[in-house]
Amino acid sequence: MKLNYQDKLVMIGDSITDCGRKQPVGEGLFEAVGKGYVALVDALLTSTYPELAIRVVNMGTSGNTVRDLKARWDSDVSELNPNWLSIMIGINDVWRQFDQPNMTESHVYLVEYEQTLEELILRTKPQVQGLILMTPFYIEPNREDLMRATMDEYGAVVRRLAVKHEVLFVDTQAAFDRVMTSIYPATLAWDRVHPNMTGHAVLARAFLKAIGYQYETK
């Protein structure tokens, strides 16, 4: 398993990562991990590797695009000094092109997406022990669907950058595609974007596989 003793793992992204995390309120209350895949990752790491005392920090923010991540990178990544950083972003970058077609100011097209994500990678990689890039996804098996086809293009960017910069890669779309051979998409997400707990388990399993997690350690 790639994480070590007292490592801090920051997981940043949009609403899929956020998933109800609490903001700091009052003395002694700090960030919570939410109720999604980040919480599952945290629970499984802690229960299987209690001796490692790994800290998982959820920095997802609902509605974010890669443009939004760049704007809050100093406070939500750099100042937290993570040992490991996971990035999953791109769903809103694509979705806004379809649910807000006339609001072009909210669109983050492929060139900006790739340039911004690569800028964040270059800025952060020297400061961390490990970086994990997770693709955006669309829970739709029809690859001819326009939003699915566009999401696949953004996922290909993530794959390309992971190879180029030699960082860990999680193909979340492939993980959902495998499950969708047996399960109807609406069973995983009513809007094909926000997963239920089964969908979040799909994400957590894919992430944990990438970091070398073993369910049986002894």
N, C-alpha and C. Protein backbone atom coordinates (compact mmCIF):
# COMPACT_ATOMS: atom_id res chain seq x y z
N MET A 1 0.84 -1.20 0.00
CA MET A 1 0.00 0.00 0.00
C MET A 1 0.88 1.24 0.00
N LYS A 2 0.53 2.18 -0.85
CA LYS A 2 1.44 3.30 -1.11
C LYS A 2 1.48 4.35 -0.01
N LEU A 3 0.41 4.50 0.76
CA LEU A 3 0.40 5.50 1.83
C LEU A 3 1.14 4.95 3.05
N ASN A 4 1.78 5.87 3.77
CA ASN A 4 2.61 5.48 4.90
C ASN A 4 2.12 6.10 6.21
N TYR A 5 2.88 5.84 7.26
CA TYR A 5 2.52 6.28 8.60
C TYR A 5 2.27 7.79 8.67
N GLN A 6 1.11 8.15 9.20
CA GLN A 6 0.67 9.53 9.42
C GLN A 6 0.63 10.38 8.15
N ASP A 7 0.48 9.74 7.02
CA ASP A 7 0.29 10.50 5.78
C ASP A 7 -1.04 11.24 5.81
N LYS A 8 -1.04 12.42 5.21
CA LYS A 8 -2.28 13.18 5.03
C LYS A 8 -2.66 13.09 3.55
N LEU A 9 -3.85 12.58 3.31
CA LEU A 9 -4.39 12.45 1.96
C LEU A 9 -5.49 13.48 1.78
N VAL A 10 -5.26 14.45 0.91
CA VAL A 10 -6.28 15.44 0.56
C VAL A 10 -6.95 15.01 -0.73
N MET A 11 -8.28 15.02 -0.72
CA MET A 11 -9.06 14.63 -1.90
C MET A 11 -9.90 15.82 -2.31
N ILE A 12 -9.61 16.37 -3.50
CA ILE A 12 -10.27 17.59 -3.94
C ILE A 12 -11.09 17.33 -5.19
N GLY A 13 -12.19 18.08 -5.32
CA GLY A 13 -13.04 17.90 -6.48
C GLY A 13 -14.32 18.70 -6.37
N ASP A 14 -15.38 18.17 -6.97
CA ASP A 14 -16.68 18.85 -7.02
C ASP A 14 -17.66 18.20 -6.05
N SER A 15 -18.96 18.21 -6.39
CA SER A 15 -19.97 17.70 -5.48
C SER A 15 -19.84 16.20 -5.21
N ILE A 16 -19.28 15.46 -6.16
CA ILE A 16 -19.12 14.02 -5.95
C ILE A 16 -18.13 13.77 -4.82
N THR A 17 -17.12 14.59 -4.73
CA THR A 17 -16.16 14.51 -3.64
C THR A 17 -16.73 15.14 -2.37
N ASP A 18 -17.32 16.30 -2.51
CA ASP A 18 -17.91 17.04 -1.40
C ASP A 18 -18.89 16.17 -0.62
N CYS A 19 -19.97 15.81 -1.24
CA CYS A 19 -20.96 14.87 -0.71
C CYS A 19 -21.32 15.14 0.76
N GLY A 20 -21.59 16.41 1.07
CA GLY A 20 -22.08 16.78 2.38
C GLY A 20 -21.04 16.98 3.45
N ARG A 21 -19.80 17.22 3.06
CA ARG A 21 -18.78 17.45 4.09
C ARG A 21 -19.13 18.71 4.88
N LYS A 22 -18.80 18.70 6.16
CA LYS A 22 -19.10 19.84 7.02
C LYS A 22 -17.98 20.86 6.93
N GLN A 23 -18.36 22.11 6.93
CA GLN A 23 -17.38 23.18 6.99
C GLN A 23 -17.01 23.44 8.46
N PRO A 24 -15.82 23.99 8.70
CA PRO A 24 -15.43 24.25 10.09
C PRO A 24 -16.42 25.16 10.81
N VAL A 25 -16.93 24.70 11.95
CA VAL A 25 -17.87 25.49 12.75
C VAL A 25 -17.54 25.26 14.22
N GLY A 26 -17.10 26.30 14.89
CA GLY A 26 -16.89 26.19 16.33
C GLY A 26 -15.56 25.55 16.70
N GLU A 27 -15.20 25.70 17.94
CA GLU A 27 -13.93 25.22 18.44
C GLU A 27 -13.87 23.69 18.41
N GLY A 28 -12.79 23.18 17.88
CA GLY A 28 -12.57 21.74 17.92
C GLY A 28 -13.22 20.97 16.79
N LEU A 29 -14.03 21.62 15.93
CA LEU A 29 -14.69 20.92 14.83
C LEU A 29 -13.97 21.26 13.53
N PHE A 30 -13.44 20.25 12.88
CA PHE A 30 -12.71 20.51 11.63
C PHE A 30 -13.39 19.74 10.50
N GLU A 31 -12.76 19.74 9.34
CA GLU A 31 -13.38 19.16 8.17
C GLU A 31 -13.80 17.72 8.41
N ALA A 32 -14.97 17.36 7.85
CA ALA A 32 -15.43 15.98 7.88
C ALA A 32 -15.25 15.40 6.48
N VAL A 33 -15.41 14.11 6.37
CA VAL A 33 -15.12 13.46 5.10
C VAL A 33 -16.35 13.32 4.21
N GLY A 34 -17.51 13.79 4.67
CA GLY A 34 -18.71 13.68 3.85
C GLY A 34 -19.34 12.30 3.95
N LYS A 35 -20.19 12.00 2.97
CA LYS A 35 -20.94 10.74 3.01
C LYS A 35 -20.79 9.95 1.72
N GLY A 36 -19.72 10.19 0.99
CA GLY A 36 -19.54 9.52 -0.29
C GLY A 36 -18.28 8.68 -0.36
N TYR A 37 -17.66 8.65 -1.54
CA TYR A 37 -16.49 7.78 -1.74
C TYR A 37 -15.32 8.17 -0.84
N VAL A 38 -15.19 9.46 -0.51
CA VAL A 38 -14.11 9.88 0.38
C VAL A 38 -14.30 9.25 1.76
N ALA A 39 -15.54 9.24 2.23
CA ALA A 39 -15.83 8.62 3.53
C ALA A 39 -15.54 7.13 3.51
N LEU A 40 -15.86 6.47 2.40
CA LEU A 40 -15.58 5.04 2.30
C LEU A 40 -14.08 4.78 2.27
N VAL A 41 -13.34 5.59 1.54
CA VAL A 41 -11.88 5.46 1.52
C VAL A 41 -11.31 5.64 2.91
N ASP A 42 -11.77 6.68 3.60
CA ASP A 42 -11.30 6.96 4.96
C ASP A 42 -11.60 5.79 5.89
N ALA A 43 -12.83 5.28 5.84
CA ALA A 43 -13.23 4.20 6.74
C ALA A 43 -12.43 2.92 6.47
N LEU A 44 -12.23 2.60 5.20
CA LEU A 44 -11.52 1.37 4.87
C LEU A 44 -10.02 1.48 5.19
N LEU A 45 -9.43 2.64 4.94
CA LEU A 45 -8.03 2.81 5.30
C LEU A 45 -7.84 2.71 6.81
N THR A 46 -8.73 3.36 7.56
CA THR A 46 -8.59 3.37 9.02
C THR A 46 -8.86 1.99 9.62
N SER A 47 -9.84 1.28 9.09
CA SER A 47 -10.18 -0.02 9.66
C SER A 47 -9.17 -1.11 9.29
N THR A 48 -8.57 -0.98 8.12
CA THR A 48 -7.63 -2.00 7.67
C THR A 48 -6.20 -1.69 8.08
N TYR A 49 -5.85 -0.41 8.13
CA TYR A 49 -4.49 0.01 8.49
C TYR A 49 -4.52 0.96 9.69
N PRO A 50 -5.08 0.56 10.82
CA PRO A 50 -5.18 1.49 11.95
C PRO A 50 -3.83 1.96 12.45
N GLU A 51 -2.82 1.13 12.29
CA GLU A 51 -1.48 1.46 12.79
C GLU A 51 -0.83 2.59 11.99
N LEU A 52 -1.35 2.89 10.78
CA LEU A 52 -0.76 3.93 9.95
C LEU A 52 -1.26 5.34 10.29
N ALA A 53 -2.38 5.43 10.99
CA ALA A 53 -2.93 6.73 11.40
C ALA A 53 -3.01 7.71 10.22
N ILE A 54 -3.54 7.24 9.11
CA ILE A 54 -3.67 8.06 7.91
C ILE A 54 -4.82 9.05 8.11
N ARG A 55 -4.60 10.29 7.72
CA ARG A 55 -5.64 11.31 7.81
C ARG A 55 -6.15 11.64 6.41
N VAL A 56 -7.45 11.53 6.22
CA VAL A 56 -8.09 11.85 4.95
C VAL A 56 -8.83 13.17 5.10
N VAL A 57 -8.57 14.11 4.21
CA VAL A 57 -9.19 15.43 4.25
C VAL A 57 -9.99 15.64 2.97
N ASN A 58 -11.27 15.90 3.12
CA ASN A 58 -12.16 16.13 1.99
C ASN A 58 -12.21 17.62 1.66
N MET A 59 -11.78 17.97 0.44
CA MET A 59 -11.83 19.36 0.00
C MET A 59 -12.67 19.50 -1.28
N GLY A 60 -13.68 18.67 -1.40
CA GLY A 60 -14.61 18.82 -2.51
C GLY A 60 -15.54 19.99 -2.28
N THR A 61 -15.92 20.67 -3.35
CA THR A 61 -16.87 21.78 -3.28
C THR A 61 -17.88 21.64 -4.42
N SER A 62 -19.14 21.55 -4.05
CA SER A 62 -20.20 21.34 -5.03
C SER A 62 -20.20 22.40 -6.12
N GLY A 63 -20.38 21.97 -7.36
CA GLY A 63 -20.48 22.88 -8.48
C GLY A 63 -19.16 23.30 -9.10
N ASN A 64 -18.06 22.86 -8.51
CA ASN A 64 -16.75 23.32 -8.99
C ASN A 64 -16.36 22.76 -10.36
N THR A 65 -15.63 23.58 -11.09
CA THR A 65 -14.93 23.18 -12.30
C THR A 65 -13.44 23.26 -12.01
N VAL A 66 -12.63 22.89 -12.99
CA VAL A 66 -11.18 23.00 -12.79
C VAL A 66 -10.77 24.46 -12.62
N ARG A 67 -11.54 25.36 -13.20
CA ARG A 67 -11.29 26.80 -13.04
C ARG A 67 -11.47 27.21 -11.57
N ASP A 68 -12.49 26.65 -10.93
CA ASP A 68 -12.74 26.94 -9.51
C ASP A 68 -11.64 26.34 -8.64
N LEU A 69 -11.19 25.15 -8.99
CA LEU A 69 -10.11 24.53 -8.22
C LEU A 69 -8.87 25.41 -8.23
N LYS A 70 -8.54 25.95 -9.39
CA LYS A 70 -7.37 26.82 -9.50
C LYS A 70 -7.50 28.03 -8.58
N ALA A 71 -8.70 28.58 -8.49
CA ALA A 71 -8.92 29.78 -7.68
C ALA A 71 -8.73 29.52 -6.19
N ARG A 72 -8.97 28.30 -5.74
CA ARG A 72 -8.86 28.01 -4.30
C ARG A 72 -7.68 27.08 -3.99
N TRP A 73 -6.78 26.91 -4.92
CA TRP A 73 -5.70 25.94 -4.75
C TRP A 73 -4.78 26.25 -3.58
N ASP A 74 -4.45 27.52 -3.39
CA ASP A 74 -3.54 27.87 -2.29
C ASP A 74 -4.11 27.47 -0.94
N SER A 75 -5.35 27.88 -0.68
CA SER A 75 -5.95 27.63 0.63
C SER A 75 -6.38 26.18 0.82
N ASP A 76 -6.83 25.53 -0.25
CA ASP A 76 -7.43 24.20 -0.11
C ASP A 76 -6.50 23.06 -0.45
N VAL A 77 -5.32 23.37 -0.96
CA VAL A 77 -4.33 22.32 -1.22
C VAL A 77 -2.97 22.72 -0.64
N SER A 78 -2.36 23.75 -1.18
CA SER A 78 -0.98 24.09 -0.81
C SER A 78 -0.81 24.32 0.68
N GLU A 79 -1.74 25.08 1.28
CA GLU A 79 -1.61 25.41 2.70
C GLU A 79 -1.91 24.23 3.62
N LEU A 80 -2.50 23.17 3.07
CA LEU A 80 -2.79 21.98 3.88
C LEU A 80 -1.60 21.02 3.94
N ASN A 81 -0.60 21.25 3.08
CA ASN A 81 0.62 20.43 3.06
C ASN A 81 0.33 18.92 3.04
N PRO A 82 -0.41 18.45 2.04
CA PRO A 82 -0.70 17.02 1.99
C PRO A 82 0.52 16.21 1.59
N ASN A 83 0.55 14.96 2.05
CA ASN A 83 1.56 14.02 1.54
C ASN A 83 1.10 13.43 0.21
N TRP A 84 -0.21 13.20 0.13
CA TRP A 84 -0.82 12.68 -1.07
C TRP A 84 -1.99 13.55 -1.46
N LEU A 85 -2.20 13.72 -2.76
CA LEU A 85 -3.32 14.51 -3.26
C LEU A 85 -4.05 13.74 -4.35
N SER A 86 -5.37 13.70 -4.21
CA SER A 86 -6.22 13.10 -5.23
C SER A 86 -7.08 14.19 -5.86
N ILE A 87 -7.15 14.20 -7.19
CA ILE A 87 -7.95 15.19 -7.92
C ILE A 87 -8.96 14.47 -8.79
N MET A 88 -10.25 14.79 -8.60
CA MET A 88 -11.28 14.33 -9.52
C MET A 88 -12.13 15.53 -9.89
N ILE A 89 -11.98 16.00 -11.11
CA ILE A 89 -12.68 17.20 -11.56
C ILE A 89 -12.99 17.07 -13.05
N GLY A 90 -14.05 17.73 -13.50
CA GLY A 90 -14.37 17.72 -14.92
C GLY A 90 -15.84 17.52 -15.23
N ILE A 91 -16.59 16.98 -14.27
CA ILE A 91 -18.01 16.72 -14.55
C ILE A 91 -18.75 18.03 -14.83
N ASN A 92 -18.55 19.03 -13.99
CA ASN A 92 -19.24 20.31 -14.22
C ASN A 92 -18.68 21.05 -15.43
N ASP A 93 -17.40 20.86 -15.70
CA ASP A 93 -16.79 21.46 -16.88
C ASP A 93 -17.55 21.02 -18.14
N VAL A 94 -17.96 19.76 -18.14
CA VAL A 94 -18.73 19.21 -19.26
C VAL A 94 -20.22 19.51 -19.12
N TRP A 95 -20.77 19.26 -17.95
CA TRP A 95 -22.22 19.34 -17.73
C TRP A 95 -22.78 20.71 -18.06
N ARG A 96 -22.06 21.77 -17.66
CA ARG A 96 -22.55 23.12 -17.92
C ARG A 96 -22.72 23.39 -19.42
N GLN A 97 -21.99 22.69 -20.24
CA GLN A 97 -22.13 22.85 -21.69
C GLN A 97 -23.46 22.29 -22.19
N PHE A 98 -24.08 21.41 -21.37
CA PHE A 98 -25.32 20.76 -21.77
C PHE A 98 -26.54 21.28 -21.02
N ASP A 99 -26.39 21.57 -19.70
CA ASP A 99 -27.56 22.05 -18.97
C ASP A 99 -27.65 23.58 -18.94
N GLN A 100 -26.58 24.26 -19.35
CA GLN A 100 -26.59 25.72 -19.47
C GLN A 100 -25.98 26.11 -20.82
N PRO A 101 -26.55 25.64 -21.91
CA PRO A 101 -25.90 25.84 -23.22
C PRO A 101 -25.73 27.29 -23.63
N ASN A 102 -26.61 28.16 -23.12
CA ASN A 102 -26.53 29.57 -23.50
C ASN A 102 -25.66 30.40 -22.57
N MET A 103 -25.24 29.82 -21.45
CA MET A 103 -24.40 30.53 -20.48
C MET A 103 -22.95 30.13 -20.71
N THR A 104 -22.40 30.59 -21.79
CA THR A 104 -21.06 30.14 -22.18
C THR A 104 -19.97 30.53 -21.20
N GLU A 105 -20.24 31.53 -20.36
CA GLU A 105 -19.23 31.92 -19.37
C GLU A 105 -19.00 30.82 -18.33
N SER A 106 -19.96 29.90 -18.20
CA SER A 106 -19.81 28.80 -17.24
C SER A 106 -19.16 27.58 -17.87
N HIS A 107 -18.89 27.62 -19.16
CA HIS A 107 -18.32 26.47 -19.85
C HIS A 107 -16.79 26.45 -19.72
N VAL A 108 -16.25 25.29 -19.45
CA VAL A 108 -14.80 25.11 -19.45
C VAL A 108 -14.49 24.10 -20.55
N TYR A 109 -14.01 24.59 -21.67
CA TYR A 109 -13.78 23.73 -22.82
C TYR A 109 -12.47 22.96 -22.67
N LEU A 110 -12.29 22.02 -23.57
CA LEU A 110 -11.23 21.03 -23.41
C LEU A 110 -9.83 21.65 -23.29
N VAL A 111 -9.53 22.65 -24.10
CA VAL A 111 -8.20 23.25 -24.06
C VAL A 111 -7.92 23.88 -22.70
N GLU A 112 -8.88 24.67 -22.19
CA GLU A 112 -8.70 25.28 -20.87
C GLU A 112 -8.61 24.22 -19.79
N TYR A 113 -9.44 23.20 -19.90
CA TYR A 113 -9.43 22.11 -18.92
C TYR A 113 -8.05 21.47 -18.83
N GLU A 114 -7.49 21.12 -19.98
CA GLU A 114 -6.19 20.46 -19.98
C GLU A 114 -5.08 21.39 -19.50
N GLN A 115 -5.09 22.61 -19.96
CA GLN A 115 -4.05 23.56 -19.55
C GLN A 115 -4.09 23.82 -18.05
N THR A 116 -5.30 24.01 -17.52
CA THR A 116 -5.43 24.32 -16.09
C THR A 116 -5.06 23.13 -15.23
N LEU A 117 -5.54 21.96 -15.60
CA LEU A 117 -5.23 20.77 -14.83
C LEU A 117 -3.73 20.50 -14.84
N GLU A 118 -3.10 20.67 -15.99
CA GLU A 118 -1.66 20.44 -16.06
C GLU A 118 -0.90 21.49 -15.23
N GLU A 119 -1.38 22.71 -15.23
CA GLU A 119 -0.75 23.74 -14.40
C GLU A 119 -0.79 23.36 -12.93
N LEU A 120 -1.92 22.83 -12.48
CA LEU A 120 -2.06 22.42 -11.08
C LEU A 120 -1.17 21.22 -10.76
N ILE A 121 -1.05 20.31 -11.72
CA ILE A 121 -0.16 19.16 -11.53
C ILE A 121 1.29 19.62 -11.39
N LEU A 122 1.74 20.47 -12.30
CA LEU A 122 3.12 20.95 -12.28
C LEU A 122 3.42 21.73 -11.00
N ARG A 123 2.43 22.46 -10.55
CA ARG A 123 2.58 23.29 -9.36
C ARG A 123 2.68 22.45 -8.09
N THR A 124 2.02 21.30 -8.10
CA THR A 124 1.85 20.54 -6.87
C THR A 124 2.73 19.31 -6.78
N LYS A 125 3.04 18.69 -7.89
CA LYS A 125 3.77 17.42 -7.85
C LYS A 125 5.07 17.49 -7.05
N PRO A 126 5.87 18.56 -7.17
CA PRO A 126 7.11 18.61 -6.39
C PRO A 126 6.90 18.70 -4.89
N GLN A 127 5.69 19.06 -4.46
CA GLN A 127 5.42 19.29 -3.04
C GLN A 127 4.81 18.09 -2.34
N VAL A 128 4.44 17.05 -3.07
CA VAL A 128 3.76 15.91 -2.47
C VAL A 128 4.53 14.62 -2.74
N GLN A 129 4.23 13.61 -1.93
CA GLN A 129 4.84 12.29 -2.15
C GLN A 129 4.17 11.58 -3.32
N GLY A 130 2.88 11.82 -3.46
CA GLY A 130 2.15 11.13 -4.52
C GLY A 130 0.93 11.92 -4.97
N LEU A 131 0.61 11.77 -6.26
CA LEU A 131 -0.52 12.47 -6.86
C LEU A 131 -1.37 11.44 -7.59
N ILE A 132 -2.68 11.55 -7.42
CA ILE A 132 -3.62 10.60 -8.01
C ILE A 132 -4.63 11.38 -8.85
N LEU A 133 -4.73 11.07 -10.13
CA LEU A 133 -5.69 11.72 -11.01
C LEU A 133 -6.83 10.76 -11.30
N MET A 134 -8.05 11.21 -11.02
CA MET A 134 -9.25 10.41 -11.27
C MET A 134 -10.04 11.06 -12.40
N THR A 135 -10.51 10.27 -13.33
CA THR A 135 -11.28 10.82 -14.45
C THR A 135 -12.65 11.30 -13.99
N PRO A 136 -13.21 12.28 -14.69
CA PRO A 136 -14.65 12.54 -14.53
C PRO A 136 -15.41 11.39 -15.19
N PHE A 137 -16.69 11.31 -14.93
CA PHE A 137 -17.48 10.19 -15.45
C PHE A 137 -18.91 10.63 -15.76
N TYR A 138 -19.60 9.83 -16.53
CA TYR A 138 -21.03 10.01 -16.78
C TYR A 138 -21.64 8.62 -16.77
N ILE A 139 -22.62 8.40 -15.90
CA ILE A 139 -23.16 7.07 -15.70
C ILE A 139 -24.20 6.78 -16.79
N GLU A 140 -23.68 6.59 -17.98
CA GLU A 140 -24.46 6.35 -19.20
C GLU A 140 -23.69 5.37 -20.08
N PRO A 141 -24.24 4.19 -20.34
CA PRO A 141 -23.51 3.18 -21.10
C PRO A 141 -23.41 3.47 -22.60
N ASN A 142 -24.30 4.30 -23.13
CA ASN A 142 -24.30 4.61 -24.55
C ASN A 142 -23.20 5.60 -24.87
N ARG A 143 -22.13 5.13 -25.49
CA ARG A 143 -20.98 5.99 -25.76
C ARG A 143 -21.24 6.98 -26.88
N GLU A 144 -22.38 6.82 -27.57
CA GLU A 144 -22.77 7.78 -28.61
C GLU A 144 -23.54 8.97 -28.03
N ASP A 145 -24.01 8.84 -26.78
CA ASP A 145 -24.66 9.95 -26.10
C ASP A 145 -23.69 11.14 -26.09
N LEU A 146 -24.19 12.33 -26.43
CA LEU A 146 -23.30 13.48 -26.60
C LEU A 146 -22.53 13.84 -25.33
N MET A 147 -23.24 13.80 -24.19
CA MET A 147 -22.53 14.16 -22.96
C MET A 147 -21.54 13.07 -22.57
N ARG A 148 -21.90 11.81 -22.78
CA ARG A 148 -20.96 10.72 -22.49
C ARG A 148 -19.74 10.83 -23.40
N ALA A 149 -19.95 11.11 -24.68
CA ALA A 149 -18.83 11.22 -25.61
C ALA A 149 -17.90 12.37 -25.22
N THR A 150 -18.49 13.48 -24.81
CA THR A 150 -17.68 14.63 -24.39
C THR A 150 -16.93 14.31 -23.10
N MET A 151 -17.61 13.65 -22.16
CA MET A 151 -16.95 13.28 -20.90
C MET A 151 -15.77 12.35 -21.16
N ASP A 152 -15.91 11.47 -22.13
CA ASP A 152 -14.81 10.57 -22.46
C ASP A 152 -13.60 11.34 -22.98
N GLU A 153 -13.84 12.43 -23.69
CA GLU A 153 -12.73 13.26 -24.16
C GLU A 153 -11.98 13.90 -22.99
N TYR A 154 -12.73 14.34 -21.99
CA TYR A 154 -12.10 14.93 -20.80
C TYR A 154 -11.37 13.85 -20.00
N GLY A 155 -11.95 12.67 -19.95
CA GLY A 155 -11.27 11.56 -19.28
C GLY A 155 -9.97 11.19 -19.97
N ALA A 156 -9.96 11.28 -21.29
CA ALA A 156 -8.74 10.98 -22.05
C ALA A 156 -7.64 11.99 -21.72
N VAL A 157 -8.02 13.23 -21.46
CA VAL A 157 -7.05 14.25 -21.05
C VAL A 157 -6.40 13.84 -19.73
N VAL A 158 -7.22 13.39 -18.78
CA VAL A 158 -6.70 12.98 -17.48
C VAL A 158 -5.73 11.82 -17.63
N ARG A 159 -6.10 10.85 -18.45
CA ARG A 159 -5.22 9.72 -18.70
C ARG A 159 -3.89 10.18 -19.30
N ARG A 160 -3.97 11.04 -20.30
CA ARG A 160 -2.77 11.54 -20.97
C ARG A 160 -1.85 12.28 -20.01
N LEU A 161 -2.43 13.11 -19.14
CA LEU A 161 -1.62 13.86 -18.18
C LEU A 161 -1.01 12.95 -17.12
N ALA A 162 -1.76 11.92 -16.72
CA ALA A 162 -1.23 10.97 -15.73
C ALA A 162 -0.02 10.24 -16.28
N VAL A 163 -0.10 9.84 -17.55
CA VAL A 163 1.04 9.17 -18.19
C VAL A 163 2.21 10.14 -18.35
N LYS A 164 1.92 11.33 -18.83
CA LYS A 164 2.96 12.33 -19.09
C LYS A 164 3.73 12.69 -17.82
N HIS A 165 3.01 12.82 -16.71
CA HIS A 165 3.65 13.28 -15.47
C HIS A 165 3.92 12.14 -14.49
N GLU A 166 3.66 10.91 -14.94
CA GLU A 166 3.99 9.71 -14.17
C GLU A 166 3.36 9.74 -12.78
N VAL A 167 2.05 9.93 -12.76
CA VAL A 167 1.30 9.91 -11.50
C VAL A 167 0.25 8.80 -11.58
N LEU A 168 -0.33 8.46 -10.45
CA LEU A 168 -1.32 7.40 -10.41
C LEU A 168 -2.60 7.83 -11.15
N PHE A 169 -3.25 6.87 -11.77
CA PHE A 169 -4.42 7.13 -12.60
C PHE A 169 -5.56 6.22 -12.19
N VAL A 170 -6.76 6.80 -12.04
CA VAL A 170 -7.96 6.03 -11.72
C VAL A 170 -8.99 6.28 -12.81
N ASP A 171 -9.34 5.26 -13.55
CA ASP A 171 -10.34 5.37 -14.62
C ASP A 171 -11.71 5.08 -14.03
N THR A 172 -12.35 6.11 -13.50
CA THR A 172 -13.65 5.92 -12.86
C THR A 172 -14.72 5.54 -13.88
N GLN A 173 -14.60 6.05 -15.11
CA GLN A 173 -15.58 5.71 -16.14
C GLN A 173 -15.55 4.22 -16.44
N ALA A 174 -14.35 3.65 -16.55
CA ALA A 174 -14.22 2.21 -16.80
C ALA A 174 -14.82 1.41 -15.65
N ALA A 175 -14.65 1.90 -14.43
CA ALA A 175 -15.20 1.22 -13.26
C ALA A 175 -16.73 1.20 -13.32
N PHE A 176 -17.34 2.32 -13.71
CA PHE A 176 -18.79 2.35 -13.85
C PHE A 176 -19.25 1.52 -15.04
N ASP A 177 -18.49 1.54 -16.13
CA ASP A 177 -18.87 0.77 -17.31
C ASP A 177 -18.97 -0.72 -16.97
N ARG A 178 -18.06 -1.21 -16.17
CA ARG A 178 -18.09 -2.62 -15.78
C ARG A 178 -19.36 -2.95 -15.01
N VAL A 179 -19.72 -2.08 -14.08
CA VAL A 179 -20.92 -2.32 -13.27
C VAL A 179 -22.18 -2.19 -14.12
N MET A 180 -22.17 -1.26 -15.09
CA MET A 180 -23.36 -1.03 -15.90
C MET A 180 -23.65 -2.15 -16.90
N THR A 181 -22.76 -3.11 -17.02
CA THR A 181 -23.08 -4.27 -17.84
C THR A 181 -24.17 -5.12 -17.18
N SER A 182 -24.35 -4.93 -15.87
CA SER A 182 -25.35 -5.71 -15.13
C SER A 182 -26.39 -4.86 -14.43
N ILE A 183 -26.12 -3.57 -14.25
CA ILE A 183 -27.01 -2.70 -13.48
C ILE A 183 -27.43 -1.51 -14.34
N TYR A 184 -28.71 -1.21 -14.35
CA TYR A 184 -29.23 -0.07 -15.10
C TYR A 184 -28.70 1.23 -14.48
N PRO A 185 -28.31 2.22 -15.30
CA PRO A 185 -27.69 3.45 -14.78
C PRO A 185 -28.48 4.14 -13.67
N ALA A 186 -29.82 4.19 -13.80
CA ALA A 186 -30.62 4.88 -12.78
C ALA A 186 -30.52 4.21 -11.42
N THR A 187 -30.10 2.94 -11.41
CA THR A 187 -29.89 2.25 -10.14
C THR A 187 -28.66 2.79 -9.41
N LEU A 188 -27.78 3.45 -10.14
CA LEU A 188 -26.55 4.00 -9.57
C LEU A 188 -26.64 5.50 -9.33
N ALA A 189 -27.39 6.21 -10.18
CA ALA A 189 -27.49 7.67 -10.06
C ALA A 189 -28.74 8.13 -10.80
N TRP A 190 -29.63 8.83 -10.12
CA TRP A 190 -30.89 9.25 -10.74
C TRP A 190 -30.65 10.22 -11.90
N ASP A 191 -29.60 11.03 -11.81
CA ASP A 191 -29.32 12.02 -12.85
C ASP A 191 -28.09 11.65 -13.68
N ARG A 192 -27.59 10.43 -13.49
CA ARG A 192 -26.42 9.91 -14.19
C ARG A 192 -25.12 10.64 -13.82
N VAL A 193 -25.18 11.44 -12.77
CA VAL A 193 -24.00 12.19 -12.30
C VAL A 193 -23.73 11.96 -10.82
N HIS A 194 -24.75 12.13 -9.98
CA HIS A 194 -24.55 12.04 -8.53
C HIS A 194 -24.86 10.61 -8.06
N PRO A 195 -23.83 9.83 -7.74
CA PRO A 195 -24.05 8.42 -7.41
C PRO A 195 -24.73 8.23 -6.06
N ASN A 196 -25.46 7.11 -5.95
CA ASN A 196 -25.92 6.66 -4.64
C ASN A 196 -24.76 5.94 -3.97
N MET A 197 -25.02 5.28 -2.84
CA MET A 197 -23.91 4.66 -2.11
C MET A 197 -23.24 3.55 -2.91
N THR A 198 -24.01 2.83 -3.72
CA THR A 198 -23.38 1.82 -4.57
C THR A 198 -22.41 2.47 -5.55
N GLY A 199 -22.83 3.58 -6.14
CA GLY A 199 -21.95 4.30 -7.05
C GLY A 199 -20.71 4.83 -6.36
N HIS A 200 -20.87 5.32 -5.14
CA HIS A 200 -19.70 5.80 -4.40
C HIS A 200 -18.77 4.64 -4.04
N ALA A 201 -19.35 3.46 -3.82
CA ALA A 201 -18.51 2.28 -3.56
C ALA A 201 -17.70 1.92 -4.80
N VAL A 202 -18.29 2.10 -5.98
CA VAL A 202 -17.56 1.87 -7.22
C VAL A 202 -16.33 2.79 -7.29
N LEU A 203 -16.53 4.07 -6.95
CA LEU A 203 -15.43 5.03 -6.95
C LEU A 203 -14.37 4.67 -5.91
N ALA A 204 -14.82 4.33 -4.71
CA ALA A 204 -13.88 4.00 -3.63
C ALA A 204 -13.04 2.78 -3.99
N ARG A 205 -13.68 1.76 -4.54
CA ARG A 205 -12.95 0.54 -4.93
C ARG A 205 -11.88 0.85 -5.98
N ALA A 206 -12.25 1.67 -6.97
CA ALA A 206 -11.29 2.01 -8.02
C ALA A 206 -10.12 2.79 -7.45
N PHE A 207 -10.39 3.73 -6.55
CA PHE A 207 -9.34 4.52 -5.92
C PHE A 207 -8.42 3.63 -5.09
N LEU A 208 -9.01 2.79 -4.25
CA LEU A 208 -8.22 1.94 -3.36
C LEU A 208 -7.34 0.97 -4.14
N LYS A 209 -7.86 0.46 -5.25
CA LYS A 209 -7.05 -0.43 -6.09
C LYS A 209 -5.81 0.30 -6.60
N ALA A 210 -5.97 1.57 -6.97
CA ALA A 210 -4.86 2.34 -7.53
C ALA A 210 -3.75 2.57 -6.51
N ILE A 211 -4.09 2.66 -5.23
CA ILE A 211 -3.07 2.92 -4.21
C ILE A 211 -2.55 1.63 -3.57
N GLY A 212 -2.97 0.50 -4.09
CA GLY A 212 -2.44 -0.76 -3.59
C GLY A 212 -3.05 -1.25 -2.30
N TYR A 213 -4.27 -0.81 -2.01
CA TYR A 213 -4.96 -1.23 -0.78
C TYR A 213 -5.20 -2.73 -0.80
N GLN A 214 -4.97 -3.38 0.35
CA GLN A 214 -5.24 -4.80 0.51
C GLN A 214 -6.23 -5.00 1.65
N TYR A 215 -7.30 -5.70 1.38
CA TYR A 215 -8.32 -5.91 2.42
C TYR A 215 -7.79 -6.78 3.56
N GLU A 216 -6.93 -7.70 3.23
CA GLU A 216 -6.33 -8.56 4.25
C GLU A 216 -4.85 -8.19 4.34
N THR A 217 -4.45 -7.67 5.48
CA THR A 217 -3.07 -7.21 5.62
C THR A 217 -2.22 -8.16 6.45
N LYS A 218 -2.84 -9.10 7.11
CA LYS A 218 -2.07 -10.05 7.93
C LYS A 218 -2.61 -11.46 7.73
